[in-house]
Amino acid sequence: MTRSEFLFVAIDVIFHPAQNYRRYKDIKVSEDFCYDNNFPKECLAEYYYDPKLLETGKKMPVIVNFHGGGFVAGDKKHRVSLCKRYASHGYFVVNANYRLAPKYSFPALAQDAVKAVNYLENTAKSYNIDLDKVVVTGDSSGAYLASEYTAIACNEDLCKKLECDKVKIKPALLLSWCGVYDFEKSITLTKLPFNMVWDIGRCEIDNDGFHLNKDFSNMKDFPLLKEASPINWINKDWCTSYLVMSKKDVFCKGQGELLAEKLNELGIKTQVFHSTKVTDNHCFHMDMYKSISKKVFKEVFEFMEDYFKEEEIGNEEIEDKIAQ
């Protein structure tokens, strides 16, 4: 086990009780299913939904969630309460695992993200879900993955370069929690003890032909460096985004600000929420006891509800014009 694996496994073990104490008894959880039979142990996911909503006949919007864990650890089991929380607000939720480093280096996780979201087409046959209302989300490295998926969905060239399946479903919204968006800057500028940042970076991008030096001197020699940073691929097709960040983030400081600035430059509708206290640090939203966690979720759910209402009104107006 690498030092970064040990760190993030320890974080999950220590904080699991506080992050998963809420039960949401009315929410149904499916059995595990595999969205890529080539990797039956790694590419597992499960569904969360309110069974009462299936009886209404109204299509449910969808949230696809990718867990965090520094690219090297994490599991969907540590995001059960989070996903049930989404489902309690009327969303059909996909809680997905993906291939982790160092066993699987970049772009394995990006390929998995595309497969996981594409699998929703199969899901729609059994559940009443709205594939025009898909939100991709995640925290930390999961936020990176959600934004990388958004970049792939907006750029066919990136999709081909990373050897991903063709994207079948474009996200309507990106909901990103304390993520990494400029991989190069995050790895080279973040300071952590025990050379931890280098260990995280080399686990994610080392392969048979490239090995990251401890002083990062050969970082620019990584063949997929540009492709590894979703911030490099933002264009007019990027979806509306809600970015949550911590001003004092020990892992991803400044990353949210970089993404928000780029999105605003291109006129992409973007909402930002950030904490300012040291005690409200990386992925502060996962501590559901905190008042700031309650505050950010209240704003997030209001934002998503308002967005989809505006979209419905806009679509109805277009249909009326066509009919006339």
Protein backbone atom coordinates (compact mmCIF):
# COMPACT_ATOMS: atom_id res chain seq x y z
CA MET A 1 0.00 0.00 0.00
CA THR A 2 1.38 3.42 -0.97
CA ARG A 3 1.44 6.29 1.51
CA SER A 4 -1.40 8.07 -0.33
CA GLU A 5 -3.53 4.92 -0.31
CA PHE A 6 -2.96 4.61 3.44
CA LEU A 7 -3.93 8.26 4.00
CA PHE A 8 -7.19 8.17 2.08
CA VAL A 9 -8.24 4.76 3.36
CA ALA A 10 -7.68 6.07 6.89
CA ILE A 11 -9.78 9.17 6.14
CA ASP A 12 -12.68 7.01 4.96
CA VAL A 13 -12.52 4.74 8.00
CA ILE A 14 -12.29 7.59 10.50
CA PHE A 15 -15.01 9.78 9.01
CA HIS A 16 -17.42 7.09 7.78
CA PRO A 17 -19.70 7.17 10.89
CA ALA A 18 -20.15 10.96 10.85
CA GLN A 19 -20.76 10.99 7.09
CA ASN A 20 -23.27 8.14 7.07
CA TYR A 21 -25.26 8.46 10.27
CA ARG A 22 -28.48 9.54 8.52
CA ARG A 23 -30.59 6.58 7.41
CA TYR A 24 -33.40 7.85 5.13
CA LYS A 25 -35.56 4.76 5.67
CA ASP A 26 -37.97 5.53 2.81
CA ILE A 27 -35.25 5.41 0.16
CA LYS A 28 -34.84 2.20 -1.82
CA VAL A 29 -31.32 0.95 -2.58
CA SER A 30 -30.74 -1.53 -5.40
CA GLU A 31 -28.32 -4.40 -5.40
CA ASP A 32 -24.90 -3.83 -6.94
CA PHE A 33 -24.74 -4.00 -10.71
CA CYS A 34 -21.78 -3.92 -13.08
CA TYR A 35 -21.71 -1.27 -15.79
CA ASP A 36 -18.60 -2.70 -17.50
CA ASN A 37 -18.24 -6.48 -17.59
CA ASN A 38 -14.55 -6.15 -18.43
CA PHE A 39 -13.99 -5.01 -14.84
CA PRO A 40 -16.65 -6.76 -12.74
CA LYS A 41 -15.01 -5.98 -9.38
CA GLU A 42 -14.16 -2.35 -10.00
CA CYS A 43 -17.03 -1.02 -12.12
CA LEU A 44 -19.88 -1.52 -9.67
CA ALA A 45 -22.71 0.86 -8.92
CA GLU A 46 -26.08 0.97 -7.19
CA TYR A 47 -29.30 2.98 -7.44
CA TYR A 48 -31.10 5.07 -4.83
CA TYR A 49 -34.66 6.32 -5.29
CA ASP A 50 -37.95 7.00 -3.56
CA PRO A 51 -40.28 4.15 -4.63
CA LYS A 52 -43.32 6.40 -4.20
CA LEU A 53 -42.09 8.53 -7.09
CA LEU A 54 -42.19 5.55 -9.44
CA GLU A 55 -45.92 5.32 -8.88
CA THR A 56 -46.56 8.91 -9.97
CA GLY A 57 -45.49 8.29 -13.56
CA LYS A 58 -43.48 11.51 -13.57
CA LYS A 59 -39.91 11.14 -14.79
CA MET A 60 -37.24 11.59 -12.16
CA PRO A 61 -34.14 13.73 -12.75
CA VAL A 62 -30.88 11.80 -12.31
CA ILE A 63 -27.74 12.34 -10.25
CA VAL A 64 -24.62 10.32 -11.00
CA ASN A 65 -22.22 10.45 -8.05
CA PHE A 66 -18.50 9.63 -8.06
CA HIS A 67 -16.82 9.23 -4.66
CA GLY A 68 -13.56 10.89 -3.66
CA GLY A 69 -10.39 9.29 -2.37
CA GLY A 70 -7.34 10.93 -3.90
CA PHE A 71 -7.58 8.79 -7.05
CA VAL A 72 -6.21 5.83 -5.07
CA ALA A 73 -8.93 4.92 -2.56
CA GLY A 74 -12.59 5.40 -1.71
CA ASP A 75 -15.74 3.41 -2.28
CA LYS A 76 -19.41 4.08 -2.90
CA LYS A 77 -20.23 2.60 0.52
CA HIS A 78 -18.83 5.76 2.10
CA ARG A 79 -21.37 7.92 0.22
CA VAL A 80 -24.57 6.10 1.15
CA SER A 81 -26.12 8.88 3.26
CA LEU A 82 -25.09 11.48 0.70
CA CYS A 83 -26.80 9.60 -2.13
CA LYS A 84 -29.89 8.94 -0.04
CA ARG A 85 -30.02 12.63 0.69
CA TYR A 86 -30.12 13.35 -3.04
CA ALA A 87 -32.80 10.69 -3.52
CA SER A 88 -34.94 12.14 -0.71
CA HIS A 89 -35.24 15.29 -2.83
CA GLY A 90 -36.75 13.40 -5.75
CA TYR A 91 -33.65 12.39 -7.69
CA PHE A 92 -32.83 8.97 -9.07
CA VAL A 93 -29.24 8.48 -7.94
CA VAL A 94 -26.45 6.36 -9.37
CA ASN A 95 -23.64 5.81 -6.85
CA ALA A 96 -20.68 4.51 -8.85
CA ASN A 97 -17.27 3.04 -8.16
CA TYR A 98 -14.52 3.26 -10.76
CA ARG A 99 -11.01 1.95 -11.34
CA LEU A 100 -8.44 3.32 -8.91
CA ALA A 101 -4.74 4.09 -9.10
CA PRO A 102 -2.05 2.88 -8.92
CA LYS A 103 -3.39 -0.39 -10.36
CA TYR A 104 -5.17 1.54 -13.09
CA SER A 105 -3.60 4.81 -14.23
CA PHE A 106 -5.13 7.70 -16.15
CA PRO A 107 -7.31 7.67 -18.23
CA ALA A 108 -8.95 4.52 -16.79
CA LEU A 109 -11.24 6.44 -14.43
CA ALA A 110 -12.39 8.74 -17.27
CA GLN A 111 -13.26 5.75 -19.44
CA ASP A 112 -15.26 4.33 -16.54
CA ALA A 113 -17.17 7.57 -16.02
CA VAL A 114 -18.38 7.51 -19.62
CA LYS A 115 -19.48 3.89 -19.32
CA ALA A 116 -21.26 4.55 -16.02
CA VAL A 117 -23.29 7.45 -17.41
CA ASN A 118 -23.97 5.69 -20.72
CA TYR A 119 -25.41 2.78 -18.73
CA LEU A 120 -28.34 5.03 -17.87
CA GLU A 121 -29.81 4.16 -21.25
CA ASN A 122 -30.25 0.60 -19.98
CA THR A 123 -31.59 1.90 -16.68
CA ALA A 124 -34.28 3.97 -18.39
CA LYS A 125 -35.95 0.77 -19.56
CA SER A 126 -36.72 -0.27 -15.99
CA TYR A 127 -37.04 3.06 -14.17
CA ASN A 128 -38.91 6.23 -15.03
CA ILE A 129 -35.93 8.58 -15.37
CA ASP A 130 -35.36 11.71 -17.41
CA LEU A 131 -32.16 11.47 -19.45
CA ASP A 132 -32.43 15.16 -20.32
CA LYS A 133 -31.99 15.99 -16.62
CA VAL A 134 -28.74 14.29 -15.66
CA VAL A 135 -26.54 15.88 -13.00
CA VAL A 136 -22.96 14.63 -12.66
CA THR A 137 -21.37 15.17 -9.28
CA GLY A 138 -18.58 14.08 -6.99
CA ASP A 139 -16.29 15.20 -4.21
CA SER A 140 -12.52 15.71 -4.35
CA SER A 141 -11.17 13.25 -6.95
CA GLY A 142 -14.82 12.39 -7.65
CA ALA A 143 -15.41 16.07 -8.44
CA TYR A 144 -12.43 15.90 -10.77
CA LEU A 145 -13.99 12.89 -12.47
CA ALA A 146 -17.39 14.56 -12.82
CA SER A 147 -15.77 17.61 -14.43
CA GLU A 148 -13.55 15.44 -16.64
CA TYR A 149 -16.66 13.61 -17.82
CA THR A 150 -18.26 16.97 -18.59
CA ALA A 151 -15.19 17.92 -20.62
CA ILE A 152 -15.33 14.63 -22.53
CA ALA A 153 -19.04 15.10 -23.23
CA CYS A 154 -18.30 18.53 -24.72
CA ASN A 155 -15.25 17.55 -26.79
CA GLU A 156 -15.20 14.68 -29.26
CA ASP A 157 -11.45 15.08 -29.72
CA LEU A 158 -10.84 14.59 -26.00
CA CYS A 159 -13.14 11.58 -25.99
CA LYS A 160 -11.16 9.97 -28.79
CA LYS A 161 -7.78 10.88 -27.32
CA LEU A 162 -8.69 9.17 -24.04
CA GLU A 163 -10.12 6.17 -25.93
CA CYS A 164 -13.49 6.51 -24.23
CA ASP A 165 -16.75 5.13 -25.54
CA LYS A 166 -18.85 7.62 -27.45
CA VAL A 167 -20.81 9.77 -25.01
CA LYS A 168 -24.54 9.03 -25.21
CA ILE A 169 -25.76 11.38 -22.49
CA LYS A 170 -24.61 14.96 -22.00
CA PRO A 171 -24.97 16.35 -18.48
CA ALA A 172 -27.49 19.09 -17.83
CA LEU A 173 -25.66 20.18 -14.69
CA LEU A 174 -22.25 19.77 -13.06
CA LEU A 175 -22.32 19.79 -9.26
CA SER A 176 -18.72 19.77 -8.07
CA TRP A 177 -17.51 19.57 -4.46
CA CYS A 178 -13.93 20.65 -3.66
CA GLY A 179 -12.39 19.19 -6.81
CA VAL A 180 -9.20 19.28 -8.83
CA TYR A 181 -9.60 20.85 -12.26
CA ASP A 182 -6.06 21.77 -13.29
CA PHE A 183 -4.17 18.54 -12.64
CA GLU A 184 -0.72 19.98 -13.35
CA LYS A 185 -1.09 22.98 -11.04
CA SER A 186 -2.66 20.88 -8.32
CA ILE A 187 0.19 18.36 -8.32
CA THR A 188 3.04 20.84 -8.64
CA LEU A 189 1.78 23.64 -6.38
CA THR A 190 0.02 21.85 -3.51
CA LYS A 191 2.19 21.32 -0.44
CA LEU A 192 1.69 18.30 1.82
CA PRO A 193 4.10 16.53 4.18
CA PHE A 194 5.95 13.28 3.37
CA ASN A 195 6.00 14.10 -0.35
CA MET A 196 2.34 13.05 -0.41
CA VAL A 197 1.40 15.11 -3.47
CA TRP A 198 4.07 13.44 -5.58
CA ASP A 199 2.84 10.05 -4.41
CA ILE A 200 -0.73 10.88 -5.42
CA GLY A 201 0.42 12.19 -8.81
CA ARG A 202 2.69 9.32 -9.69
CA CYS A 203 0.02 6.79 -8.67
CA GLU A 204 -2.43 8.42 -11.08
CA ILE A 205 -0.20 9.04 -14.14
CA ASP A 206 2.71 6.59 -13.95
CA ASN A 207 2.57 3.87 -16.59
CA ASP A 208 4.96 1.67 -18.56
CA GLY A 209 6.31 4.63 -20.50
CA PHE A 210 6.27 7.44 -17.96
CA HIS A 211 7.41 7.83 -14.34
CA LEU A 212 6.95 11.14 -12.52
CA ASN A 213 10.13 12.49 -10.94
CA LYS A 214 9.95 13.47 -7.27
CA ASP A 215 10.81 17.07 -8.14
CA PHE A 216 8.16 17.11 -10.91
CA SER A 217 10.84 18.12 -13.41
CA ASN A 218 9.43 15.85 -16.11
CA MET A 219 5.75 16.64 -15.48
CA LYS A 220 5.33 18.24 -18.90
CA ASP A 221 6.60 15.06 -20.54
CA PHE A 222 3.47 13.19 -19.51
CA PRO A 223 1.79 12.48 -22.89
CA LEU A 224 -1.75 13.16 -21.65
CA LEU A 225 -1.00 16.19 -19.46
CA LYS A 226 -3.36 18.54 -21.29
CA GLU A 227 -6.05 15.87 -21.43
CA ALA A 228 -5.76 15.23 -17.69
CA SER A 229 -7.03 18.72 -16.81
CA PRO A 230 -10.72 19.38 -17.55
CA ILE A 231 -10.11 23.13 -17.24
CA ASN A 232 -8.23 22.94 -20.57
CA TRP A 233 -11.34 21.72 -22.38
CA ILE A 234 -14.04 24.16 -21.38
CA ASN A 235 -16.05 25.44 -24.35
CA LYS A 236 -19.47 26.89 -25.14
CA ASP A 237 -21.04 23.43 -24.86
CA TRP A 238 -20.11 23.13 -21.16
CA CYS A 239 -23.15 22.74 -18.93
CA THR A 240 -24.43 24.98 -16.15
CA SER A 241 -22.28 24.41 -13.06
CA TYR A 242 -22.48 24.70 -9.28
CA LEU A 243 -19.05 24.75 -7.65
CA VAL A 244 -18.47 24.22 -3.94
CA MET A 245 -15.03 25.04 -2.57
CA SER A 246 -13.10 25.74 0.61
CA LYS A 247 -10.88 28.83 0.78
CA LYS A 248 -8.57 26.97 3.20
CA ASP A 249 -8.60 23.65 1.34
CA VAL A 250 -5.51 21.61 2.24
CA PHE A 251 -5.81 19.40 -0.84
CA CYS A 252 -7.35 21.55 -3.58
CA LYS A 253 -6.75 25.17 -2.60
CA GLY A 254 -7.49 27.59 -5.42
CA GLN A 255 -8.75 24.96 -7.82
CA GLY A 256 -12.42 25.95 -7.60
CA GLU A 257 -11.55 29.58 -8.17
CA LEU A 258 -9.62 28.66 -11.33
CA LEU A 259 -12.56 26.75 -12.76
CA ALA A 260 -15.09 29.43 -11.83
CA GLU A 261 -12.98 32.11 -13.49
CA LYS A 262 -12.68 30.11 -16.71
CA LEU A 263 -16.40 29.32 -16.82
CA ASN A 264 -17.31 32.96 -16.23
CA GLU A 265 -14.96 34.06 -19.01
CA LEU A 266 -16.86 31.87 -21.46
CA GLY A 267 -20.27 32.92 -20.19
CA ILE A 268 -21.20 29.54 -18.71
CA LYS A 269 -23.86 29.93 -16.03
CA THR A 270 -22.01 29.23 -12.79
CA GLN A 271 -22.92 29.41 -9.11
CA VAL A 272 -20.24 29.33 -6.40
CA PHE A 273 -20.36 28.48 -2.70
CA HIS A 274 -17.27 28.58 -0.54
CA SER A 275 -16.33 28.19 3.11
CA THR A 276 -13.79 30.48 4.73
CA LYS A 277 -12.91 28.83 8.05
CA VAL A 278 -10.02 26.42 8.52
CA THR A 279 -12.43 24.11 10.34
CA ASP A 280 -14.67 24.05 7.25
CA ASN A 281 -12.03 22.48 5.08
CA HIS A 282 -11.83 19.99 2.22
CA CYS A 283 -15.26 18.45 1.49
CA PHE A 284 -16.79 20.14 4.53
CA HIS A 285 -20.24 19.25 3.21
CA MET A 286 -19.74 15.61 4.15
CA ASP A 287 -20.02 16.45 7.85
CA MET A 288 -23.80 16.63 7.97
CA TYR A 289 -23.85 17.84 11.58
CA LYS A 290 -22.40 21.22 10.58
CA SER A 291 -24.58 24.25 9.95
CA ILE A 292 -22.53 25.14 6.86
CA SER A 293 -23.26 21.70 5.43
CA LYS A 294 -26.98 22.24 5.93
CA LYS A 295 -26.66 25.68 4.35
CA VAL A 296 -24.85 24.54 1.23
CA PHE A 297 -27.23 21.65 0.60
CA LYS A 298 -30.22 23.96 0.96
CA GLU A 299 -28.74 26.27 -1.67
CA VAL A 300 -27.70 23.40 -3.95
CA PHE A 301 -31.16 21.84 -3.99
CA GLU A 302 -32.80 25.21 -4.58
CA PHE A 303 -30.38 25.92 -7.43
CA MET A 304 -31.06 22.59 -9.14
CA GLU A 305 -34.82 22.88 -8.67
CA ASP A 306 -34.88 26.40 -10.10
CA TYR A 307 -32.67 25.39 -13.02
CA PHE A 308 -34.88 22.50 -14.10
CA LYS A 309 -38.02 24.60 -13.69
CA GLU A 310 -36.53 27.26 -15.96
CA GLU A 311 -35.62 24.58 -18.50
CA GLU A 312 -39.17 23.20 -18.48
CA ILE A 313 -40.65 26.66 -18.97
CA GLY A 314 -38.21 27.34 -21.80
CA ASN A 315 -39.04 24.06 -23.52
CA GLU A 316 -42.79 24.72 -23.19
CA GLU A 317 -42.36 28.15 -24.81
CA ILE A 318 -40.43 26.62 -27.70
CA GLU A 319 -43.11 23.96 -28.18
CA ASP A 320 -45.83 26.64 -28.18
CA LYS A 321 -43.99 28.62 -30.87
CA ILE A 322 -43.60 25.51 -33.01
CA ALA A 323 -47.28 24.70 -32.60
CA GLN A 324 -48.23 28.21 -33.72
